[in-house]
């Protein structure tokens, strides 16, 4: 069934409904819909709309919702409504604090020139954040400075390598200082006797025991064998050359001509489990303390379990940790390894901020009558919003305060020690047992009158 020549969009916002008539689906994009909603529903000039809009379309003949986030989703809603000309769009919004001019920034990176504007009966703090700040700018990627500091020799000696393989993926296996390491987990309900027999003979990693290879040794998959091979050559302190480094076979020889050391592994009948088919372990070589296999990615992988317990580990701690592997990394190499390990444990800070609108939407959906407000800095709709502050108060917290707590409210804050700083503000009271009962909490750039 072909599309209609024109559609009507019924926009549902809070308790009111606004109709946007005669929409031509040809050439109608996400920005067109966003501008129409801003003008018709909020009565604002689109470029100065101080809200972060979240739009969802009701799927015809169902109660399910479809997120409208880009041009493809706009085209999709027209495809969904081939049998009817009325499209129902539900709109939710979050407050945005726009910046009108570049204000003074103090030495800690916080805005010191705060403007107040009236919004109804409430005063809203207008904070300008300079987009040119290099330290916090979204435009400066991690890779830009990583490459600039990559001065130590970490070149890969692979002759053949898979295009998608990298040590940056720490998910190949879970490193555990106190137990064995199994590179991947199978279905617990696996009943194949061949698989069970292979699984019982699989090699597992133990950081307290030196790695030793032998013919017939089994590994869960090619990634497990590659990881074990890298650990082995670093442990022994000699370079290797990978003649074949494919998913179907891995062959490596000693990195200098004249040595007979050689290893070859390939899959068994299940096409996944790897077995060492050929192994010549005798060789004469001198341990290399600057083994190029010990890259920053490899060091970071070894630091993840330690830094999960000791997050403030220094470069001296990294150096001490690497001594047992016979590796002496450079300072830049240790610094990059620390950064990568922190990102693996905590996640990328910039990416985590992009999840906040989804989090707020989940709170509103799963915990009705809860309050979640996120303030952003967004000069125009064409600029990505920048997080300023957030306030959350769950329905159960407010009900508990009204029905079972004393008429006393305490307020305090603590400094956040993440990459972007700020403070966490908390409002608490006392319940019937004289225990602390939280009412609400917020994350802001500073603890002051405006926040």
Foldseek 3Di string as FASTA:
>chain_A
DDFDQFAKEWEDEDPDIWIDTGHGLVPCWPVNVQQCCCCGPVVDRQFADFKDKWKWWQQPPDRDIHTDDTRVVSNVQRVSARPHRYIYMYMDIFGAAAADDDADADPLQAGPDWDWDDDPPDIAIHGDHDCPDPLPHPVDDPVVVLVVLPPDDQDDQEPDADPPDDLLDLLQWADDQVDWIARDDDDPPDDPPVVVVLVVQADIDHPVDQDDDDFFHKHQFLSRVVLSVLLNCLQVAFEKYWPDHDRAKTKIDGPDPDWPFIWIWGDDPVRGMIGTHDGDHDTDDDHHQAHSSCFLSNLLSVCLVVCVVVVPDDLVNSQVVCVNSSHHDDPSSSVSSSVSSCCVVVNDPVVVVVCVVVVVVCCCVVQPPWDKHWYWYDSTPVDDTHGFKMKTFGPVLVVCCVPFFDPDKDKDWDWDDDSLIFIKIWIWGAGPVRDIRTGMIMTHRYDDDND
